[in-house]
Protein backbone atom coordinates (compact mmCIF):
# COMPACT_ATOMS: atom_id res chain seq x y z
CA MET A 1 172.54 55.63 -29.39
CA PHE A 2 174.26 58.52 -27.57
CA ASP A 3 172.39 61.10 -29.66
CA ALA A 4 169.03 59.92 -28.31
CA MET A 5 170.34 59.79 -24.74
CA THR A 6 171.83 63.26 -25.05
CA ALA A 7 168.46 64.61 -26.23
CA VAL A 8 166.68 63.03 -23.24
CA SER A 9 169.31 64.43 -20.85
CA ARG A 10 168.29 67.98 -21.75
CA GLU A 11 165.01 67.31 -19.89
CA ARG A 12 166.33 65.13 -17.04
CA PRO A 13 169.64 63.54 -16.00
CA LEU A 14 170.35 60.08 -17.34
CA ALA A 15 172.74 57.45 -15.94
CA PHE A 16 173.69 54.01 -17.21
CA ILE A 17 176.40 51.42 -16.60
CA THR A 18 178.41 49.53 -19.19
CA MET A 19 180.85 46.63 -18.95
CA GLU A 20 183.43 46.48 -21.72
CA GLY A 21 185.90 43.70 -22.42
CA THR A 22 189.57 44.62 -22.58
CA GLY A 23 190.72 41.68 -24.69
CA VAL A 24 192.80 40.49 -21.75
CA ASP A 25 191.44 38.58 -18.75
CA TYR A 26 189.12 41.20 -17.27
CA SER A 27 186.40 43.70 -18.18
CA GLU A 28 185.96 47.34 -17.18
CA LEU A 29 182.80 48.69 -15.56
CA PHE A 30 181.88 52.33 -16.37
CA LEU A 31 179.24 54.76 -15.11
CA HIS A 32 178.00 57.15 -17.81
CA TRP A 33 176.22 60.28 -16.53
CA ILE A 34 174.54 62.60 -19.04
CA GLU A 35 173.00 65.87 -17.89
CA GLY A 36 172.12 68.92 -19.96
CA GLY A 37 173.68 67.33 -23.03
CA GLU A 38 177.07 66.82 -21.34
CA ARG A 39 178.38 63.29 -20.72
CA SER A 40 180.90 62.22 -18.10
CA VAL A 41 182.32 58.74 -17.71
CA THR A 42 183.73 57.21 -14.49
CA HIS A 43 185.73 53.97 -14.47
CA LEU A 44 184.06 52.21 -11.53
CA ALA A 45 185.78 48.83 -11.43
CA ASN A 46 187.67 46.05 -13.15
CA ALA A 47 185.91 42.71 -13.00
CA ASN A 48 185.86 39.15 -14.19
CA PRO A 49 183.27 39.11 -17.01
CA HIS A 50 181.43 36.26 -15.26
CA GLY A 51 181.35 37.91 -11.83
CA ARG A 52 183.99 35.80 -10.11
CA TRP A 53 185.78 38.87 -8.77
CA LEU A 54 185.52 42.66 -8.78
CA GLU A 55 188.19 45.28 -8.08
CA TRP A 56 186.37 48.47 -7.06
CA LEU A 57 188.19 51.64 -8.24
CA ALA A 58 185.72 54.47 -7.66
CA THR A 59 185.88 56.45 -4.42
């Protein structure tokens, strides 16, 4: 999946958000930014997987 996104990012920047479970009682929300073949990841927030609460971390 990341190979195709990296190829596209050589022509234009690409951003997407993922939510990943931690195996505990919350999930983590990440922003992935790919530009020129380089990917950076920012941990945006911790959240209840069903949207009951969100703890914003990004500044």
